Amino acid sequence: MSPSIERYQRKSAGIQPTIRVKKPIYVSATAQKSESHFSPDEHAGNEQRAMDHFYEQVHNLMASYLRLDEAGERNTYYKNHKAEALAGGNELVNAINDLLTRASEYDRQHDTYYNFLIMSLLHDNTGSLTAIGIEINRYERVYLLKHTFYNALTTQPDLFEFLFKPHDGLIDRLDQLNLKLLKTNDSSMRSGQIIDLKG
């Protein structure tokens, strides 16, 4: 393709006309649309990036759930976005397992009980988690039963209220505990100290 020529005017001999070449713009890849409204700040410090990463994982599915107020809207949306719904379930499980791993590592180093607090929260909600297809195994890890999870999301989305309810839902409580884990001052810890989730 020849370059386009703008505002060409005849000049005196020895002076060339101005030629402006419009360079083509290439798009190498396009991202698939999802419900996520949050991305980690790559320029933030390590602690903030870890917090952002946890937030992004557990809130992808939560964002669409809270945006759709009526059960009928949720049913229709998740039926039409099965891949997104299952991806959200997997991300949620992975985020919880990652939190458990980091808590166990911190407990070993500082004689704290973060893992105990997280498992207590999960066990307090065992029945509700099982109803939506999230199980706890004997190795203290959670896993997803995809069929149960998706069926609950598309037929009984109210079963997820305990998980996504703002402020005192399970996700927000885990979020608070994750923030405490990241912000704990090592020098202030005492051997065997249990962290108060509400403090």
N, C-alpha and C. Protein backbone atom coordinates (compact mmCIF):
# COMPACT_ATOMS: atom_id res chain seq x y z
N MET A 1 0.86 -1.18 0.00
CA MET A 1 0.00 0.00 0.00
C MET A 1 0.90 1.24 0.00
N SER A 2 0.62 2.19 -0.93
CA SER A 2 1.45 3.39 -0.97
C SER A 2 1.06 4.34 0.14
N PRO A 3 2.02 5.13 0.65
CA PRO A 3 1.71 6.05 1.74
C PRO A 3 0.76 7.15 1.28
N SER A 4 -0.09 7.61 2.20
CA SER A 4 -1.02 8.69 1.84
C SER A 4 -0.29 10.02 1.92
N ILE A 5 -0.70 10.95 1.08
CA ILE A 5 -0.05 12.26 1.03
C ILE A 5 -1.06 13.31 1.43
N GLU A 6 -0.75 14.09 2.49
CA GLU A 6 -1.69 15.08 3.00
C GLU A 6 -1.17 16.49 2.74
N ARG A 7 -2.13 17.39 2.39
CA ARG A 7 -1.83 18.81 2.20
C ARG A 7 -0.63 19.03 1.23
N TYR A 8 -0.68 18.38 0.10
CA TYR A 8 0.40 18.54 -0.88
C TYR A 8 0.28 19.91 -1.55
N GLN A 9 1.33 20.68 -1.53
CA GLN A 9 1.38 21.98 -2.21
C GLN A 9 2.65 22.05 -3.06
N ARG A 10 2.51 22.70 -4.21
CA ARG A 10 3.68 22.83 -5.08
C ARG A 10 4.70 23.76 -4.43
N LYS A 11 5.92 23.36 -4.37
CA LYS A 11 7.00 24.13 -3.76
C LYS A 11 7.99 24.57 -4.85
N SER A 12 8.83 25.46 -4.48
CA SER A 12 9.85 25.90 -5.42
C SER A 12 10.84 24.77 -5.66
N ALA A 13 11.57 24.85 -6.72
CA ALA A 13 12.52 23.79 -7.08
C ALA A 13 13.51 23.55 -5.96
N GLY A 14 13.80 22.29 -5.72
CA GLY A 14 14.78 21.93 -4.71
C GLY A 14 14.16 21.64 -3.35
N ILE A 15 12.89 21.92 -3.16
CA ILE A 15 12.21 21.64 -1.88
C ILE A 15 11.19 20.54 -2.10
N GLN A 16 11.32 19.43 -1.32
CA GLN A 16 10.44 18.30 -1.49
C GLN A 16 9.14 18.49 -0.71
N PRO A 17 8.01 18.01 -1.23
CA PRO A 17 6.75 18.09 -0.48
C PRO A 17 6.80 17.22 0.77
N THR A 18 6.03 17.60 1.77
CA THR A 18 5.97 16.83 3.02
C THR A 18 5.10 15.60 2.82
N ILE A 19 5.62 14.45 3.18
CA ILE A 19 4.87 13.19 3.03
C ILE A 19 4.70 12.57 4.40
N ARG A 20 3.46 12.33 4.80
CA ARG A 20 3.18 11.69 6.09
C ARG A 20 2.72 10.25 5.86
N VAL A 21 3.43 9.32 6.42
CA VAL A 21 3.11 7.90 6.25
C VAL A 21 2.30 7.42 7.44
N LYS A 22 1.11 6.92 7.18
CA LYS A 22 0.28 6.37 8.25
C LYS A 22 0.64 4.91 8.48
N LYS A 23 1.21 4.61 9.65
CA LYS A 23 1.64 3.25 9.94
C LYS A 23 0.45 2.40 10.37
N PRO A 24 0.36 1.17 9.85
CA PRO A 24 -0.75 0.29 10.27
C PRO A 24 -0.59 -0.13 11.73
N ILE A 25 -1.71 -0.36 12.41
CA ILE A 25 -1.71 -0.82 13.80
C ILE A 25 -2.10 -2.30 13.81
N TYR A 26 -1.26 -3.11 14.40
CA TYR A 26 -1.51 -4.55 14.44
C TYR A 26 -1.99 -4.96 15.83
N VAL A 27 -3.01 -5.82 15.89
CA VAL A 27 -3.52 -6.36 17.15
C VAL A 27 -3.07 -7.81 17.23
N SER A 28 -2.20 -8.10 18.19
CA SER A 28 -1.63 -9.44 18.26
C SER A 28 -2.58 -10.44 18.89
N ALA A 29 -3.38 -9.99 19.89
CA ALA A 29 -4.30 -10.92 20.56
C ALA A 29 -5.39 -10.12 21.23
N THR A 30 -6.54 -10.75 21.39
CA THR A 30 -7.65 -10.12 22.11
C THR A 30 -8.00 -10.98 23.30
N ALA A 31 -8.31 -10.33 24.41
CA ALA A 31 -8.65 -11.06 25.63
C ALA A 31 -10.13 -11.41 25.65
N GLN A 32 -10.45 -12.58 26.16
CA GLN A 32 -11.84 -13.01 26.26
C GLN A 32 -12.53 -12.22 27.36
N LYS A 33 -13.75 -11.78 27.08
CA LYS A 33 -14.50 -11.00 28.06
C LYS A 33 -14.84 -11.88 29.26
N SER A 34 -14.66 -11.33 30.45
CA SER A 34 -15.07 -12.03 31.66
C SER A 34 -15.66 -11.02 32.62
N GLU A 35 -16.13 -11.51 33.76
CA GLU A 35 -16.81 -10.65 34.71
C GLU A 35 -15.86 -9.91 35.62
N SER A 36 -14.58 -10.26 35.59
CA SER A 36 -13.62 -9.65 36.50
C SER A 36 -13.53 -8.15 36.30
N HIS A 37 -13.61 -7.41 37.41
CA HIS A 37 -13.51 -5.96 37.35
C HIS A 37 -12.25 -5.49 38.07
N PHE A 38 -11.35 -6.38 38.36
CA PHE A 38 -10.20 -6.02 39.18
C PHE A 38 -8.98 -6.77 38.71
N SER A 39 -7.85 -6.09 38.60
CA SER A 39 -6.59 -6.72 38.23
C SER A 39 -5.52 -6.26 39.20
N PRO A 40 -4.61 -7.17 39.57
CA PRO A 40 -3.54 -6.79 40.50
C PRO A 40 -2.70 -5.64 39.96
N ASP A 41 -2.29 -4.76 40.85
CA ASP A 41 -1.42 -3.65 40.50
C ASP A 41 0.02 -4.13 40.47
N GLU A 42 0.56 -4.27 39.28
CA GLU A 42 1.91 -4.83 39.14
C GLU A 42 2.99 -3.88 39.65
N HIS A 43 2.64 -2.61 39.88
CA HIS A 43 3.61 -1.65 40.35
C HIS A 43 3.60 -1.52 41.87
N ALA A 44 2.67 -2.22 42.52
CA ALA A 44 2.57 -2.13 43.97
C ALA A 44 3.64 -3.01 44.62
N GLY A 45 3.74 -2.91 45.96
CA GLY A 45 4.70 -3.74 46.68
C GLY A 45 4.26 -5.19 46.72
N ASN A 46 5.14 -6.07 47.21
CA ASN A 46 4.85 -7.51 47.23
C ASN A 46 3.60 -7.83 48.02
N GLU A 47 3.44 -7.17 49.17
CA GLU A 47 2.27 -7.44 50.02
C GLU A 47 0.99 -7.07 49.29
N GLN A 48 0.98 -5.90 48.65
CA GLN A 48 -0.22 -5.46 47.95
C GLN A 48 -0.53 -6.36 46.77
N ARG A 49 0.50 -6.82 46.04
CA ARG A 49 0.26 -7.72 44.91
C ARG A 49 -0.35 -9.03 45.38
N ALA A 50 0.12 -9.56 46.51
CA ALA A 50 -0.43 -10.80 47.05
C ALA A 50 -1.89 -10.61 47.44
N MET A 51 -2.19 -9.47 48.06
CA MET A 51 -3.56 -9.17 48.45
C MET A 51 -4.44 -9.02 47.22
N ASP A 52 -3.93 -8.31 46.21
CA ASP A 52 -4.68 -8.11 44.98
C ASP A 52 -4.95 -9.42 44.27
N HIS A 53 -3.95 -10.32 44.27
CA HIS A 53 -4.11 -11.61 43.59
C HIS A 53 -5.21 -12.43 44.25
N PHE A 54 -5.22 -12.48 45.57
CA PHE A 54 -6.27 -13.21 46.28
C PHE A 54 -7.63 -12.59 45.97
N TYR A 55 -7.70 -11.26 46.03
CA TYR A 55 -8.95 -10.55 45.78
C TYR A 55 -9.47 -10.85 44.38
N GLU A 56 -8.58 -10.80 43.39
CA GLU A 56 -8.99 -11.04 42.02
C GLU A 56 -9.57 -12.45 41.86
N GLN A 57 -8.90 -13.45 42.43
CA GLN A 57 -9.36 -14.83 42.29
C GLN A 57 -10.74 -15.05 42.90
N VAL A 58 -10.90 -14.64 44.16
CA VAL A 58 -12.15 -14.97 44.84
C VAL A 58 -13.31 -14.08 44.44
N HIS A 59 -13.01 -12.95 43.80
CA HIS A 59 -14.09 -12.02 43.48
C HIS A 59 -14.55 -12.05 42.02
N ASN A 60 -13.92 -12.84 41.17
CA ASN A 60 -14.38 -12.92 39.79
C ASN A 60 -15.83 -13.38 39.71
N LEU A 61 -16.14 -14.49 40.37
CA LEU A 61 -17.50 -15.02 40.36
C LEU A 61 -18.40 -14.17 41.24
N MET A 62 -17.86 -13.66 42.32
CA MET A 62 -18.63 -12.83 43.24
C MET A 62 -19.15 -11.57 42.56
N ALA A 63 -18.36 -11.01 41.65
CA ALA A 63 -18.75 -9.78 40.97
C ALA A 63 -20.05 -9.96 40.20
N SER A 64 -20.16 -11.03 39.43
CA SER A 64 -21.38 -11.25 38.66
C SER A 64 -22.54 -11.63 39.57
N TYR A 65 -22.26 -12.38 40.64
CA TYR A 65 -23.33 -12.80 41.55
C TYR A 65 -23.99 -11.58 42.21
N LEU A 66 -23.19 -10.64 42.67
CA LEU A 66 -23.74 -9.46 43.35
C LEU A 66 -24.35 -8.47 42.36
N ARG A 67 -23.85 -8.47 41.13
CA ARG A 67 -24.40 -7.57 40.12
C ARG A 67 -25.81 -7.99 39.71
N LEU A 68 -26.06 -9.28 39.68
CA LEU A 68 -27.37 -9.79 39.28
C LEU A 68 -28.21 -10.01 40.54
N ASP A 69 -29.20 -9.17 40.74
CA ASP A 69 -29.96 -9.18 41.99
C ASP A 69 -30.98 -10.31 42.07
N GLU A 70 -31.61 -10.63 40.96
CA GLU A 70 -32.69 -11.60 40.97
C GLU A 70 -32.18 -13.00 40.64
N ALA A 71 -32.79 -14.00 41.30
CA ALA A 71 -32.39 -15.39 41.05
C ALA A 71 -32.57 -15.77 39.59
N GLY A 72 -33.66 -15.29 38.97
CA GLY A 72 -33.91 -15.61 37.57
C GLY A 72 -32.82 -15.08 36.66
N GLU A 73 -32.33 -13.86 36.96
CA GLU A 73 -31.24 -13.29 36.17
C GLU A 73 -29.97 -14.11 36.34
N ARG A 74 -29.71 -14.54 37.56
CA ARG A 74 -28.52 -15.35 37.81
C ARG A 74 -28.61 -16.68 37.07
N ASN A 75 -29.76 -17.32 37.13
CA ASN A 75 -29.94 -18.60 36.43
C ASN A 75 -29.61 -18.45 34.95
N THR A 76 -30.21 -17.44 34.33
CA THR A 76 -30.02 -17.23 32.90
C THR A 76 -28.58 -16.90 32.57
N TYR A 77 -27.99 -16.02 33.37
CA TYR A 77 -26.61 -15.59 33.09
C TYR A 77 -25.65 -16.77 33.16
N TYR A 78 -25.73 -17.57 34.22
CA TYR A 78 -24.77 -18.66 34.39
C TYR A 78 -25.01 -19.81 33.40
N LYS A 79 -26.26 -19.97 32.98
CA LYS A 79 -26.52 -20.97 31.94
C LYS A 79 -25.86 -20.56 30.63
N ASN A 80 -25.82 -19.26 30.39
CA ASN A 80 -25.22 -18.75 29.15
C ASN A 80 -23.72 -18.51 29.26
N HIS A 81 -23.18 -18.66 30.47
CA HIS A 81 -21.74 -18.42 30.69
C HIS A 81 -21.15 -19.56 31.54
N LYS A 82 -21.33 -20.78 31.06
CA LYS A 82 -20.90 -21.94 31.83
C LYS A 82 -19.39 -21.94 32.06
N ALA A 83 -18.62 -21.66 31.02
CA ALA A 83 -17.15 -21.68 31.16
C ALA A 83 -16.69 -20.66 32.20
N GLU A 84 -17.29 -19.48 32.18
CA GLU A 84 -16.93 -18.44 33.14
C GLU A 84 -17.30 -18.86 34.56
N ALA A 85 -18.48 -19.48 34.71
CA ALA A 85 -18.93 -19.91 36.03
C ALA A 85 -18.00 -20.97 36.62
N LEU A 86 -17.62 -21.96 35.81
CA LEU A 86 -16.74 -23.03 36.29
C LEU A 86 -15.33 -22.50 36.54
N ALA A 87 -14.88 -21.58 35.70
CA ALA A 87 -13.57 -20.96 35.93
C ALA A 87 -13.58 -20.20 37.25
N GLY A 88 -14.68 -19.51 37.53
CA GLY A 88 -14.80 -18.80 38.80
C GLY A 88 -14.76 -19.74 39.99
N GLY A 89 -15.39 -20.92 39.85
CA GLY A 89 -15.35 -21.92 40.92
C GLY A 89 -13.96 -22.45 41.15
N ASN A 90 -13.25 -22.73 40.06
CA ASN A 90 -11.86 -23.21 40.18
C ASN A 90 -10.95 -22.16 40.81
N GLU A 91 -11.12 -20.91 40.41
CA GLU A 91 -10.30 -19.84 40.97
C GLU A 91 -10.56 -19.67 42.46
N LEU A 92 -11.82 -19.80 42.85
CA LEU A 92 -12.19 -19.69 44.25
C LEU A 92 -11.51 -20.78 45.08
N VAL A 93 -11.58 -22.01 44.62
CA VAL A 93 -10.96 -23.14 45.31
C VAL A 93 -9.44 -22.97 45.37
N ASN A 94 -8.85 -22.54 44.26
CA ASN A 94 -7.40 -22.34 44.23
C ASN A 94 -6.97 -21.24 45.19
N ALA A 95 -7.76 -20.19 45.30
CA ALA A 95 -7.43 -19.09 46.21
C ALA A 95 -7.47 -19.54 47.66
N ILE A 96 -8.47 -20.35 48.01
CA ILE A 96 -8.57 -20.85 49.39
C ILE A 96 -7.40 -21.78 49.70
N ASN A 97 -7.06 -22.67 48.77
CA ASN A 97 -5.93 -23.57 48.99
C ASN A 97 -4.61 -22.81 49.09
N ASP A 98 -4.47 -21.78 48.29
CA ASP A 98 -3.26 -20.96 48.36
C ASP A 98 -3.18 -20.26 49.72
N LEU A 99 -4.31 -19.78 50.21
CA LEU A 99 -4.35 -19.14 51.52
C LEU A 99 -3.98 -20.13 52.62
N LEU A 100 -4.48 -21.35 52.53
CA LEU A 100 -4.15 -22.39 53.50
C LEU A 100 -2.66 -22.71 53.48
N THR A 101 -2.08 -22.78 52.29
CA THR A 101 -0.64 -23.07 52.17
C THR A 101 0.19 -21.97 52.81
N ARG A 102 -0.13 -20.72 52.50
CA ARG A 102 0.62 -19.61 53.07
C ARG A 102 0.45 -19.54 54.58
N ALA A 103 -0.76 -19.84 55.06
CA ALA A 103 -1.00 -19.83 56.51
C ALA A 103 -0.18 -20.90 57.21
N SER A 104 -0.11 -22.10 56.63
CA SER A 104 0.66 -23.19 57.23
C SER A 104 2.14 -22.85 57.30
N GLU A 105 2.65 -22.24 56.22
CA GLU A 105 4.06 -21.85 56.20
C GLU A 105 4.35 -20.81 57.27
N TYR A 106 3.46 -19.84 57.42
CA TYR A 106 3.65 -18.80 58.41
C TYR A 106 3.56 -19.37 59.82
N ASP A 107 2.61 -20.29 60.03
CA ASP A 107 2.45 -20.91 61.35
C ASP A 107 3.72 -21.65 61.77
N ARG A 108 4.34 -22.35 60.82
CA ARG A 108 5.56 -23.10 61.13
C ARG A 108 6.69 -22.16 61.53
N GLN A 109 6.73 -21.01 60.94
CA GLN A 109 7.81 -20.07 61.22
C GLN A 109 7.60 -19.29 62.51
N HIS A 110 6.33 -19.03 62.85
CA HIS A 110 6.06 -18.09 63.95
C HIS A 110 5.17 -18.66 65.05
N ASP A 111 4.87 -19.96 65.01
CA ASP A 111 4.02 -20.58 66.03
C ASP A 111 2.68 -19.86 66.18
N THR A 112 2.11 -19.49 65.06
CA THR A 112 0.78 -18.89 65.06
C THR A 112 -0.26 -19.93 64.65
N TYR A 113 -1.51 -19.52 64.53
CA TYR A 113 -2.59 -20.47 64.26
C TYR A 113 -3.51 -19.98 63.15
N TYR A 114 -2.93 -19.42 62.10
CA TYR A 114 -3.74 -18.95 60.99
C TYR A 114 -4.45 -20.12 60.29
N ASN A 115 -3.73 -21.21 60.07
CA ASN A 115 -4.35 -22.35 59.40
C ASN A 115 -5.53 -22.88 60.19
N PHE A 116 -5.40 -22.91 61.50
CA PHE A 116 -6.49 -23.36 62.36
C PHE A 116 -7.71 -22.47 62.20
N LEU A 117 -7.51 -21.15 62.14
CA LEU A 117 -8.62 -20.22 61.99
C LEU A 117 -9.32 -20.40 60.65
N ILE A 118 -8.54 -20.57 59.59
CA ILE A 118 -9.12 -20.75 58.27
C ILE A 118 -9.93 -22.04 58.20
N MET A 119 -9.33 -23.14 58.73
CA MET A 119 -10.05 -24.42 58.71
C MET A 119 -11.30 -24.36 59.59
N SER A 120 -11.25 -23.61 60.68
CA SER A 120 -12.44 -23.46 61.53
C SER A 120 -13.57 -22.79 60.76
N LEU A 121 -13.22 -21.73 60.01
CA LEU A 121 -14.23 -21.06 59.20
C LEU A 121 -14.83 -22.01 58.17
N LEU A 122 -13.97 -22.78 57.52
CA LEU A 122 -14.45 -23.72 56.50
C LEU A 122 -15.33 -24.80 57.12
N HIS A 123 -14.89 -25.36 58.26
CA HIS A 123 -15.68 -26.42 58.90
C HIS A 123 -17.00 -25.89 59.43
N ASP A 124 -17.03 -24.63 59.86
CA ASP A 124 -18.29 -24.03 60.30
C ASP A 124 -19.30 -23.93 59.17
N ASN A 125 -18.80 -23.95 57.94
CA ASN A 125 -19.67 -23.83 56.76
C ASN A 125 -19.66 -25.09 55.89
N THR A 126 -19.29 -26.22 56.50
CA THR A 126 -19.17 -27.47 55.73
C THR A 126 -20.45 -27.81 54.97
N GLY A 127 -21.58 -27.75 55.67
CA GLY A 127 -22.85 -28.11 55.02
C GLY A 127 -23.16 -27.22 53.84
N SER A 128 -22.96 -25.93 54.01
CA SER A 128 -23.25 -24.98 52.92
C SER A 128 -22.28 -25.16 51.77
N LEU A 129 -21.01 -25.42 52.08
CA LEU A 129 -20.02 -25.65 51.02
C LEU A 129 -20.33 -26.92 50.24
N THR A 130 -20.69 -27.98 50.95
CA THR A 130 -21.02 -29.24 50.29
C THR A 130 -22.21 -29.08 49.35
N ALA A 131 -23.18 -28.27 49.75
CA ALA A 131 -24.38 -28.07 48.95
C ALA A 131 -24.08 -27.41 47.61
N ILE A 132 -22.98 -26.65 47.53
CA ILE A 132 -22.62 -26.00 46.26
C ILE A 132 -21.44 -26.70 45.58
N GLY A 133 -21.06 -27.88 46.08
CA GLY A 133 -20.03 -28.66 45.40
C GLY A 133 -18.61 -28.36 45.78
N ILE A 134 -18.39 -27.78 46.96
CA ILE A 134 -17.03 -27.55 47.44
C ILE A 134 -16.81 -28.43 48.66
N GLU A 135 -15.86 -29.35 48.57
CA GLU A 135 -15.60 -30.32 49.63
C GLU A 135 -14.22 -30.09 50.25
N ILE A 136 -14.07 -30.56 51.48
CA ILE A 136 -12.80 -30.50 52.18
C ILE A 136 -12.27 -31.92 52.34
N ASN A 137 -11.03 -32.17 51.90
CA ASN A 137 -10.49 -33.52 52.03
C ASN A 137 -9.69 -33.68 53.32
N ARG A 138 -9.17 -34.87 53.56
CA ARG A 138 -8.47 -35.15 54.82
C ARG A 138 -7.11 -34.47 54.90
N TYR A 139 -6.65 -33.94 53.76
CA TYR A 139 -5.37 -33.22 53.75
C TYR A 139 -5.57 -31.72 53.95
N GLU A 140 -6.76 -31.36 54.39
CA GLU A 140 -7.10 -29.96 54.64
C GLU A 140 -6.94 -29.10 53.39
N ARG A 141 -7.48 -29.61 52.30
CA ARG A 141 -7.54 -28.87 51.05
C ARG A 141 -8.97 -28.94 50.53
N VAL A 142 -9.39 -27.91 49.81
CA VAL A 142 -10.74 -27.92 49.24
C VAL A 142 -10.65 -28.27 47.76
N TYR A 143 -11.70 -28.90 47.26
CA TYR A 143 -11.75 -29.24 45.84
C TYR A 143 -13.18 -29.04 45.33
N LEU A 144 -13.30 -28.92 44.01
CA LEU A 144 -14.56 -28.56 43.38
C LEU A 144 -15.20 -29.76 42.69
N LEU A 145 -16.48 -30.01 43.00
CA LEU A 145 -17.29 -30.96 42.25
C LEU A 145 -18.04 -30.15 41.21
N LYS A 146 -17.52 -30.15 39.98
CA LYS A 146 -18.00 -29.23 38.95
C LYS A 146 -19.49 -29.36 38.67
N HIS A 147 -19.99 -30.59 38.57
CA HIS A 147 -21.40 -30.78 38.22
C HIS A 147 -22.30 -30.22 39.32
N THR A 148 -21.98 -30.53 40.57
CA THR A 148 -22.78 -30.04 41.69
C THR A 148 -22.71 -28.52 41.78
N PHE A 149 -21.52 -27.98 41.60
CA PHE A 149 -21.32 -26.54 41.67
C PHE A 149 -22.14 -25.82 40.60
N TYR A 150 -22.02 -26.27 39.37
CA TYR A 150 -22.72 -25.60 38.27
C TYR A 150 -24.24 -25.78 38.37
N ASN A 151 -24.67 -26.97 38.78
CA ASN A 151 -26.11 -27.21 38.93
C ASN A 151 -26.70 -26.30 40.00
N ALA A 152 -25.98 -26.14 41.11
CA ALA A 152 -26.47 -25.26 42.18
C ALA A 152 -26.51 -23.81 41.72
N LEU A 153 -25.51 -23.40 40.96
CA LEU A 153 -25.42 -22.02 40.51
C LEU A 153 -26.54 -21.67 39.53
N THR A 154 -26.96 -22.64 38.73
CA THR A 154 -27.98 -22.36 37.71
C THR A 154 -29.40 -22.70 38.15
N THR A 155 -29.56 -23.44 39.23
CA THR A 155 -30.91 -23.80 39.68
C THR A 155 -31.25 -23.25 41.06
N GLN A 156 -30.24 -23.12 41.93
CA GLN A 156 -30.47 -22.60 43.28
C GLN A 156 -29.37 -21.61 43.67
N PRO A 157 -29.28 -20.51 42.96
CA PRO A 157 -28.19 -19.56 43.24
C PRO A 157 -28.23 -18.97 44.64
N ASP A 158 -29.37 -19.02 45.30
CA ASP A 158 -29.45 -18.50 46.68
C ASP A 158 -28.57 -19.32 47.64
N LEU A 159 -28.20 -20.52 47.25
CA LEU A 159 -27.32 -21.35 48.08
C LEU A 159 -25.93 -20.70 48.24
N PHE A 160 -25.61 -19.76 47.36
CA PHE A 160 -24.31 -19.10 47.40
C PHE A 160 -24.30 -17.84 48.26
N GLU A 161 -25.46 -17.52 48.85
CA GLU A 161 -25.56 -16.28 49.63
C GLU A 161 -24.58 -16.27 50.79
N PHE A 162 -24.41 -17.41 51.48
CA PHE A 162 -23.49 -17.48 52.62
C PHE A 162 -22.05 -17.19 52.21
N LEU A 163 -21.75 -17.45 50.95
CA LEU A 163 -20.40 -17.29 50.43
C LEU A 163 -20.11 -15.85 50.01
N PHE A 164 -21.07 -15.24 49.32
CA PHE A 164 -20.84 -13.95 48.69
C PHE A 164 -21.48 -12.77 49.42
N LYS A 165 -22.20 -13.02 50.49
CA LYS A 165 -22.87 -11.94 51.21
C LYS A 165 -21.83 -10.90 51.64
N PRO A 166 -22.07 -9.62 51.34
CA PRO A 166 -21.09 -8.57 51.70
C PRO A 166 -20.88 -8.47 53.21
N HIS A 167 -19.66 -8.21 53.59
CA HIS A 167 -19.24 -7.90 54.97
C HIS A 167 -19.08 -9.13 55.87
N ASP A 168 -20.09 -9.99 55.95
CA ASP A 168 -19.94 -11.13 56.86
C ASP A 168 -20.10 -12.47 56.15
N GLY A 169 -20.05 -12.48 54.82
CA GLY A 169 -20.05 -13.73 54.08
C GLY A 169 -18.70 -14.43 54.21
N LEU A 170 -18.64 -15.70 53.84
CA LEU A 170 -17.41 -16.47 54.00
C LEU A 170 -16.24 -15.86 53.23
N ILE A 171 -16.50 -15.38 52.02
CA ILE A 171 -15.42 -14.79 51.22
C ILE A 171 -14.85 -13.56 51.90
N ASP A 172 -15.70 -12.68 52.38
CA ASP A 172 -15.20 -11.47 53.04
C ASP A 172 -14.46 -11.81 54.34
N ARG A 173 -14.89 -12.84 55.04
CA ARG A 173 -14.21 -13.23 56.28
C ARG A 173 -12.83 -13.82 55.97
N LEU A 174 -12.75 -14.61 54.91
CA LEU A 174 -11.44 -15.12 54.48
C LEU A 174 -10.56 -13.98 53.98
N ASP A 175 -11.19 -13.01 53.33
CA ASP A 175 -10.46 -11.85 52.85
C ASP A 175 -9.83 -11.08 54.02
N GLN A 176 -10.59 -10.91 55.09
CA GLN A 176 -10.07 -10.23 56.28
C GLN A 176 -8.90 -10.99 56.89
N LEU A 177 -9.04 -12.31 56.93
CA LEU A 177 -7.98 -13.13 57.50
C LEU A 177 -6.73 -13.10 56.63
N ASN A 178 -6.94 -13.09 55.32
CA ASN A 178 -5.82 -12.98 54.40
C ASN A 178 -5.07 -11.67 54.61
N LEU A 179 -5.81 -10.60 54.80
CA LEU A 179 -5.19 -9.30 55.04
C LEU A 179 -4.40 -9.31 56.35
N LYS A 180 -4.94 -9.92 57.38
CA LYS A 180 -4.23 -10.03 58.66
C LYS A 180 -2.93 -10.82 58.50
N LEU A 181 -3.01 -11.90 57.73
CA LEU A 181 -1.83 -12.72 57.50
C LEU A 181 -0.73 -11.91 56.82
N LEU A 182 -1.11 -11.08 55.87
CA LEU A 182 -0.14 -10.29 55.13
C LEU A 182 0.44 -9.15 55.95
N LYS A 183 -0.37 -8.62 56.85
CA LYS A 183 0.05 -7.44 57.59
C LYS A 183 0.61 -7.73 58.97
N THR A 184 0.60 -9.00 59.39
CA THR A 184 1.09 -9.32 60.73
C THR A 184 2.54 -8.88 60.91
N ASN A 185 2.81 -8.23 62.00
CA ASN A 185 4.17 -7.80 62.32
C ASN A 185 4.89 -8.94 63.03
N ASP A 186 5.91 -9.47 62.39
CA ASP A 186 6.62 -10.63 62.94
C ASP A 186 7.11 -10.37 64.36
N SER A 187 7.62 -9.20 64.63
CA SER A 187 8.22 -8.93 65.94
C SER A 187 7.19 -8.88 67.06
N SER A 188 5.91 -8.72 66.69
CA SER A 188 4.88 -8.61 67.71
C SER A 188 4.26 -9.95 68.06
N MET A 189 4.63 -11.01 67.33
CA MET A 189 3.99 -12.31 67.54
C MET A 189 4.57 -13.01 68.76
N ARG A 190 3.68 -13.69 69.48
CA ARG A 190 4.11 -14.51 70.61
C ARG A 190 3.89 -15.97 70.25
N SER A 191 4.70 -16.85 70.78
CA SER A 191 4.58 -18.27 70.50
C SER A 191 3.20 -18.76 70.92
N GLY A 192 2.51 -19.44 69.99
CA GLY A 192 1.20 -20.00 70.29
C GLY A 192 0.07 -19.01 70.24
N GLN A 193 0.30 -17.79 69.77
CA GLN A 193 -0.75 -16.78 69.74
C GLN A 193 -1.80 -17.12 68.70
N ILE A 194 -3.07 -16.98 69.06
CA ILE A 194 -4.17 -17.13 68.11
C ILE A 194 -4.61 -15.73 67.67
N ILE A 195 -4.70 -15.52 66.39
CA ILE A 195 -5.03 -14.21 65.86
C ILE A 195 -6.54 -14.00 65.94
N ASP A 196 -6.94 -12.90 66.49
CA ASP A 196 -8.37 -12.56 66.58
C ASP A 196 -8.83 -12.05 65.24
N LEU A 197 -9.75 -12.77 64.62
CA LEU A 197 -10.21 -12.41 63.28
C LEU A 197 -10.89 -11.05 63.25
N LYS A 198 -11.57 -10.69 64.34
CA LYS A 198 -12.34 -9.45 64.33
C LYS A 198 -11.52 -8.24 64.77
N GLY A 199 -10.30 -8.49 65.28
CA GLY A 199 -9.50 -7.38 65.82
C GLY A 199 -8.85 -6.55 64.74
